[in-house]
Amino acid sequence: AAYENMQASESRIRDADMAEEMVALTTKQILVQSGTAMLAQANVKPNSVLKLLQM
C-alpha cells in the first residue's frame, strides 16, 4: 500500500508540474506574439511616414 501511495503522490506532482509548465509556456507564447506585433507596428510607422514625405 505504501508503494502505491508513493506512486499516486508522484503522479499528482507530475500532473501539477505539467499544468504549471503549460501555463508558463502559454504566458511566454503570448509575450512573444505581443512583442512581434509591437515590432511589426514599429516597422510600419516609419514606412508610412516615409511614404507621406515622398508624396
PDB file of N, CA and C in Angstrom:
ATOM      1  N   ALA A   1       0.828  -1.196   0.000  1.00  0.00           N
ATOM      2  CA  ALA A   1       0.000   0.000   0.000  1.00  0.00           C
ATOM      3  C   ALA A   1       0.871   1.258   0.000  1.00  0.00           C
ATOM      4  N   ALA A   2       1.995   1.219   0.707  1.00  0.00           N
ATOM      5  CA  ALA A   2       2.864   2.395   0.776  1.00  0.00           C
ATOM      6  C   ALA A   2       3.439   2.724  -0.596  1.00  0.00           C
ATOM      7  N   TYR A   3       3.816   1.680  -1.332  1.00  0.00           N
ATOM      8  CA  TYR A   3       4.369   1.885  -2.679  1.00  0.00           C
ATOM      9  C   TYR A   3       3.328   2.507  -3.605  1.00  0.00           C
ATOM     10  N   GLU A   4       2.089   2.013  -3.512  1.00  0.00           N
ATOM     11  CA  GLU A   4       1.009   2.554  -4.347  1.00  0.00           C
ATOM     12  C   GLU A   4       0.727   4.007  -3.988  1.00  0.00           C
ATOM     13  N   ASN A   5       0.759   4.321  -2.705  1.00  0.00           N
ATOM     14  CA  ASN A   5       0.548   5.703  -2.267  1.00  0.00           C
ATOM     15  C   ASN A   5       1.649   6.608  -2.805  1.00  0.00           C
ATOM     16  N   MET A   6       2.889   6.093  -2.767  1.00  0.00           N
ATOM     17  CA  MET A   6       4.008   6.880  -3.274  1.00  0.00           C
ATOM     18  C   MET A   6       3.851   7.120  -4.781  1.00  0.00           C
ATOM     19  N   GLN A   7       3.453   6.087  -5.515  1.00  0.00           N
ATOM     20  CA  GLN A   7       3.247   6.243  -6.956  1.00  0.00           C
ATOM     21  C   GLN A   7       2.141   7.250  -7.248  1.00  0.00           C
ATOM     22  N   ALA A   8       1.054   7.178  -6.491  1.00  0.00           N
ATOM     23  CA  ALA A   8      -0.055   8.112  -6.681  1.00  0.00           C
ATOM     24  C   ALA A   8       0.395   9.538  -6.387  1.00  0.00           C
ATOM     25  N   SER A   9       1.198   9.704  -5.338  1.00  0.00           N
ATOM     26  CA  SER A   9       1.706  11.038  -4.990  1.00  0.00           C
ATOM     27  C   SER A   9       2.607  11.583  -6.087  1.00  0.00           C
ATOM     28  N   GLU A  10       3.497  10.741  -6.598  1.00  0.00           N
ATOM     29  CA  GLU A  10       4.387  11.174  -7.679  1.00  0.00           C
ATOM     30  C   GLU A  10       3.590  11.565  -8.918  1.00  0.00           C
ATOM     31  N   SER A  11       2.555  10.804  -9.206  1.00  0.00           N
ATOM     32  CA  SER A  11       1.716  11.101 -10.366  1.00  0.00           C
ATOM     33  C   SER A  11       1.039  12.458 -10.208  1.00  0.00           C
ATOM     34  N   ARG A  12       0.518  12.737  -9.009  1.00  0.00           N
ATOM     35  CA  ARG A  12      -0.131  14.034  -8.760  1.00  0.00           C
ATOM     36  C   ARG A  12       0.869  15.178  -8.897  1.00  0.00           C
ATOM     37  N   ILE A  13       2.084  14.976  -8.399  1.00  0.00           N
ATOM     38  CA  ILE A  13       3.123  16.011  -8.503  1.00  0.00           C
ATOM     39  C   ILE A  13       3.469  16.262  -9.962  1.00  0.00           C
ATOM     40  N   ARG A  14       3.634  15.186 -10.735  1.00  0.00           N
ATOM     41  CA  ARG A  14       3.949  15.341 -12.162  1.00  0.00           C
ATOM     42  C   ARG A  14       2.831  16.077 -12.889  1.00  0.00           C
ATOM     43  N   ASP A  15       1.573  15.717 -12.570  1.00  0.00           N
ATOM     44  CA  ASP A  15       0.434  16.384 -13.207  1.00  0.00           C
ATOM     45  C   ASP A  15       0.416  17.868 -12.865  1.00  0.00           C
ATOM     46  N   ALA A  16       0.688  18.192 -11.599  1.00  0.00           N
ATOM     47  CA  ALA A  16       0.703  19.596 -11.174  1.00  0.00           C
ATOM     48  C   ALA A  16       1.829  20.344 -11.867  1.00  0.00           C
ATOM     49  N   ASP A  17       3.008  19.718 -11.956  1.00  0.00           N
ATOM     50  CA  ASP A  17       4.139  20.354 -12.629  1.00  0.00           C
ATOM     51  C   ASP A  17       3.825  20.584 -14.105  1.00  0.00           C
ATOM     52  N   MET A  18       3.173  19.618 -14.725  1.00  0.00           N
ATOM     53  CA  MET A  18       2.827  19.731 -16.142  1.00  0.00           C
ATOM     54  C   MET A  18       1.871  20.902 -16.356  1.00  0.00           C
ATOM     55  N   ALA A  19       0.871  21.027 -15.492  1.00  0.00           N
ATOM     56  CA  ALA A  19      -0.076  22.133 -15.607  1.00  0.00           C
ATOM     57  C   ALA A  19       0.638  23.468 -15.427  1.00  0.00           C
ATOM     58  N   GLU A  20       1.534  23.536 -14.464  1.00  0.00           N
ATOM     59  CA  GLU A  20       2.287  24.771 -14.209  1.00  0.00           C
ATOM     60  C   GLU A  20       3.157  25.129 -15.414  1.00  0.00           C
ATOM     61  N   GLU A  21       3.800  24.136 -15.990  1.00  0.00           N
ATOM     62  CA  GLU A  21       4.651  24.381 -17.156  1.00  0.00           C
ATOM     63  C   GLU A  21       3.833  24.808 -18.372  1.00  0.00           C
ATOM     64  N   MET A  22       2.640  24.256 -18.524  1.00  0.00           N
ATOM     65  CA  MET A  22       1.777  24.651 -19.643  1.00  0.00           C
ATOM     66  C   MET A  22       1.355  26.115 -19.502  1.00  0.00           C
ATOM     67  N   VAL A  23       1.056  26.529 -18.273  1.00  0.00           N
ATOM     68  CA  VAL A  23       0.704  27.932 -18.024  1.00  0.00           C
ATOM     69  C   VAL A  23       1.895  28.828 -18.346  1.00  0.00           C
ATOM     70  N   ALA A  24       3.079  28.421 -17.918  1.00  0.00           N
ATOM     71  CA  ALA A  24       4.284  29.212 -18.187  1.00  0.00           C
ATOM     72  C   ALA A  24       4.550  29.295 -19.688  1.00  0.00           C
ATOM     73  N   LEU A  25       4.394  28.181 -20.395  1.00  0.00           N
ATOM     74  CA  LEU A  25       4.604  28.170 -21.844  1.00  0.00           C
ATOM     75  C   LEU A  25       3.613  29.086 -22.545  1.00  0.00           C
ATOM     76  N   THR A  26       2.348  28.987 -22.173  1.00  0.00           N
ATOM     77  CA  THR A  26       1.321  29.821 -22.797  1.00  0.00           C
ATOM     78  C   THR A  26       1.599  31.297 -22.543  1.00  0.00           C
ATOM     79  N   THR A  27       2.005  31.632 -21.322  1.00  0.00           N
ATOM     80  CA  THR A  27       2.335  33.020 -20.988  1.00  0.00           C
ATOM     81  C   THR A  27       3.478  33.526 -21.860  1.00  0.00           C
ATOM     82  N   LYS A  28       4.505  32.714 -22.013  1.00  0.00           N
ATOM     83  CA  LYS A  28       5.660  33.127 -22.824  1.00  0.00           C
ATOM     84  C   LYS A  28       5.291  33.247 -24.296  1.00  0.00           C
ATOM     85  N   GLN A  29       4.420  32.372 -24.775  1.00  0.00           N
ATOM     86  CA  GLN A  29       3.984  32.465 -26.170  1.00  0.00           C
ATOM     87  C   GLN A  29       3.212  33.762 -26.405  1.00  0.00           C
ATOM     88  N   ILE A  30       2.366  34.136 -25.456  1.00  0.00           N
ATOM     89  CA  ILE A  30       1.612  35.389 -25.574  1.00  0.00           C
ATOM     90  C   ILE A  30       2.569  36.577 -25.582  1.00  0.00           C
ATOM     91  N   LEU A  31       3.582  36.551 -24.718  1.00  0.00           N
ATOM     92  CA  LEU A  31       4.553  37.644 -24.677  1.00  0.00           C
ATOM     93  C   LEU A  31       5.333  37.750 -25.986  1.00  0.00           C
ATOM     94  N   VAL A  32       5.715  36.608 -26.550  1.00  0.00           N
ATOM     95  CA  VAL A  32       6.440  36.619 -27.825  1.00  0.00           C
ATOM     96  C   VAL A  32       5.552  37.181 -28.931  1.00  0.00           C
ATOM     97  N   GLN A  33       4.292  36.744 -28.976  1.00  0.00           N
ATOM     98  CA  GLN A  33       3.374  37.235 -30.005  1.00  0.00           C
ATOM     99  C   GLN A  33       3.124  38.731 -29.845  1.00  0.00           C
ATOM    100  N   SER A  34       3.003  39.192 -28.607  1.00  0.00           N
ATOM    101  CA  SER A  34       2.808  40.627 -28.356  1.00  0.00           C
ATOM    102  C   SER A  34       4.024  41.420 -28.811  1.00  0.00           C
ATOM    103  N   GLY A  35       5.201  40.911 -28.491  1.00  0.00           N
ATOM    104  CA  GLY A  35       6.435  41.582 -28.908  1.00  0.00           C
ATOM    105  C   GLY A  35       6.560  41.634 -30.417  1.00  0.00           C
ATOM    106  N   THR A  36       6.205  40.548 -31.081  1.00  0.00           N
ATOM    107  CA  THR A  36       6.256  40.512 -32.542  1.00  0.00           C
ATOM    108  C   THR A  36       5.289  41.523 -33.140  1.00  0.00           C
ATOM    109  N   ALA A  37       4.090  41.599 -32.580  1.00  0.00           N
ATOM    110  CA  ALA A  37       3.101  42.566 -33.066  1.00  0.00           C
ATOM    111  C   ALA A  37       3.590  43.995 -32.853  1.00  0.00           C
ATOM    112  N   MET A  38       4.221  44.257 -31.712  1.00  0.00           N
ATOM    113  CA  MET A  38       4.741  45.602 -31.448  1.00  0.00           C
ATOM    114  C   MET A  38       5.854  45.955 -32.427  1.00  0.00           C
ATOM    115  N   LEU A  39       6.728  44.999 -32.705  1.00  0.00           N
ATOM    116  CA  LEU A  39       7.802  45.257 -33.671  1.00  0.00           C
ATOM    117  C   LEU A  39       7.237  45.507 -35.064  1.00  0.00           C
ATOM    118  N   ALA A  40       6.204  44.772 -35.427  1.00  0.00           N
ATOM    119  CA  ALA A  40       5.583  44.972 -36.732  1.00  0.00           C
ATOM    120  C   ALA A  40       4.981  46.372 -36.820  1.00  0.00           C
ATOM    121  N   GLN A  41       4.325  46.817 -35.758  1.00  0.00           N
ATOM    122  CA  GLN A  41       3.743  48.165 -35.741  1.00  0.00           C
ATOM    123  C   GLN A  41       4.844  49.221 -35.823  1.00  0.00           C
ATOM    124  N   ALA A  42       5.923  49.012 -35.093  1.00  0.00           N
ATOM    125  CA  ALA A  42       7.030  49.976 -35.113  1.00  0.00           C
ATOM    126  C   ALA A  42       7.659  50.034 -36.497  1.00  0.00           C
ATOM    127  N   ASN A  43       7.639  48.923 -37.205  1.00  0.00           N
ATOM    128  CA  ASN A  43       8.198  48.862 -38.546  1.00  0.00           C
ATOM    129  C   ASN A  43       7.298  49.562 -39.558  1.00  0.00           C
ATOM    130  N   VAL A  44       5.998  49.472 -39.372  1.00  0.00           N
ATOM    131  CA  VAL A  44       5.034  50.058 -40.311  1.00  0.00           C
ATOM    132  C   VAL A  44       5.039  51.579 -40.209  1.00  0.00           C
ATOM    133  N   LYS A  45       5.136  52.118 -39.028  1.00  0.00           N
ATOM    134  CA  LYS A  45       5.032  53.568 -38.843  1.00  0.00           C
ATOM    135  C   LYS A  45       6.119  54.347 -39.593  1.00  0.00           C
ATOM    136  N   PRO A  46       7.400  53.982 -39.494  1.00  0.00           N
ATOM    137  CA  PRO A  46       8.407  54.729 -40.263  1.00  0.00           C
ATOM    138  C   PRO A  46       8.165  54.637 -41.770  1.00  0.00           C
ATOM    139  N   ASN A  47       7.713  53.477 -42.233  1.00  0.00           N
ATOM    140  CA  ASN A  47       7.426  53.334 -43.660  1.00  0.00           C
ATOM    141  C   ASN A  47       6.284  54.245 -44.081  1.00  0.00           C
ATOM    142  N   SER A  48       5.281  54.391 -43.231  1.00  0.00           N
ATOM    143  CA  SER A  48       4.157  55.276 -43.532  1.00  0.00           C
ATOM    144  C   SER A  48       4.619  56.725 -43.596  1.00  0.00           C
ATOM    145  N   VAL A  49       5.452  57.122 -42.659  1.00  0.00           N
ATOM    146  CA  VAL A  49       5.982  58.489 -42.650  1.00  0.00           C
ATOM    147  C   VAL A  49       6.816  58.724 -43.902  1.00  0.00           C
ATOM    148  N   LEU A  50       7.631  57.768 -44.269  1.00  0.00           N
ATOM    149  CA  LEU A  50       8.462  57.893 -45.462  1.00  0.00           C
ATOM    150  C   LEU A  50       7.599  58.058 -46.710  1.00  0.00           C
ATOM    151  N   LYS A  51       6.529  57.292 -46.812  1.00  0.00           N
ATOM    152  CA  LYS A  51       5.624  57.407 -47.962  1.00  0.00           C
ATOM    153  C   LYS A  51       4.985  58.790 -48.013  1.00  0.00           C
ATOM    154  N   LEU A  52       4.590  59.307 -46.851  1.00  0.00           N
ATOM    155  CA  LEU A  52       3.992  60.645 -46.814  1.00  0.00           C
ATOM    156  C   LEU A  52       4.998  61.707 -47.253  1.00  0.00           C
ATOM    157  N   LEU A  53       6.249  61.564 -46.829  1.00  0.00           N
ATOM    158  CA  LEU A  53       7.273  62.538 -47.194  1.00  0.00           C
ATOM    159  C   LEU A  53       7.617  62.467 -48.678  1.00  0.00           C
ATOM    160  N   GLN A  54       7.462  61.319 -49.283  1.00  0.00           N
ATOM    161  CA  GLN A  54       7.796  61.157 -50.692  1.00  0.00           C
ATOM    162  C   GLN A  54       6.713  61.705 -51.611  1.00  0.00           C
ATOM    163  N   MET A  55       5.526  61.967 -51.095  1.00  0.00           N
ATOM    164  CA  MET A  55       4.422  62.454 -51.941  1.00  0.00           C
ATOM    165  C   MET A  55       4.626  63.881 -52.373  1.00  0.00           C
TER     166      MET A  55
END
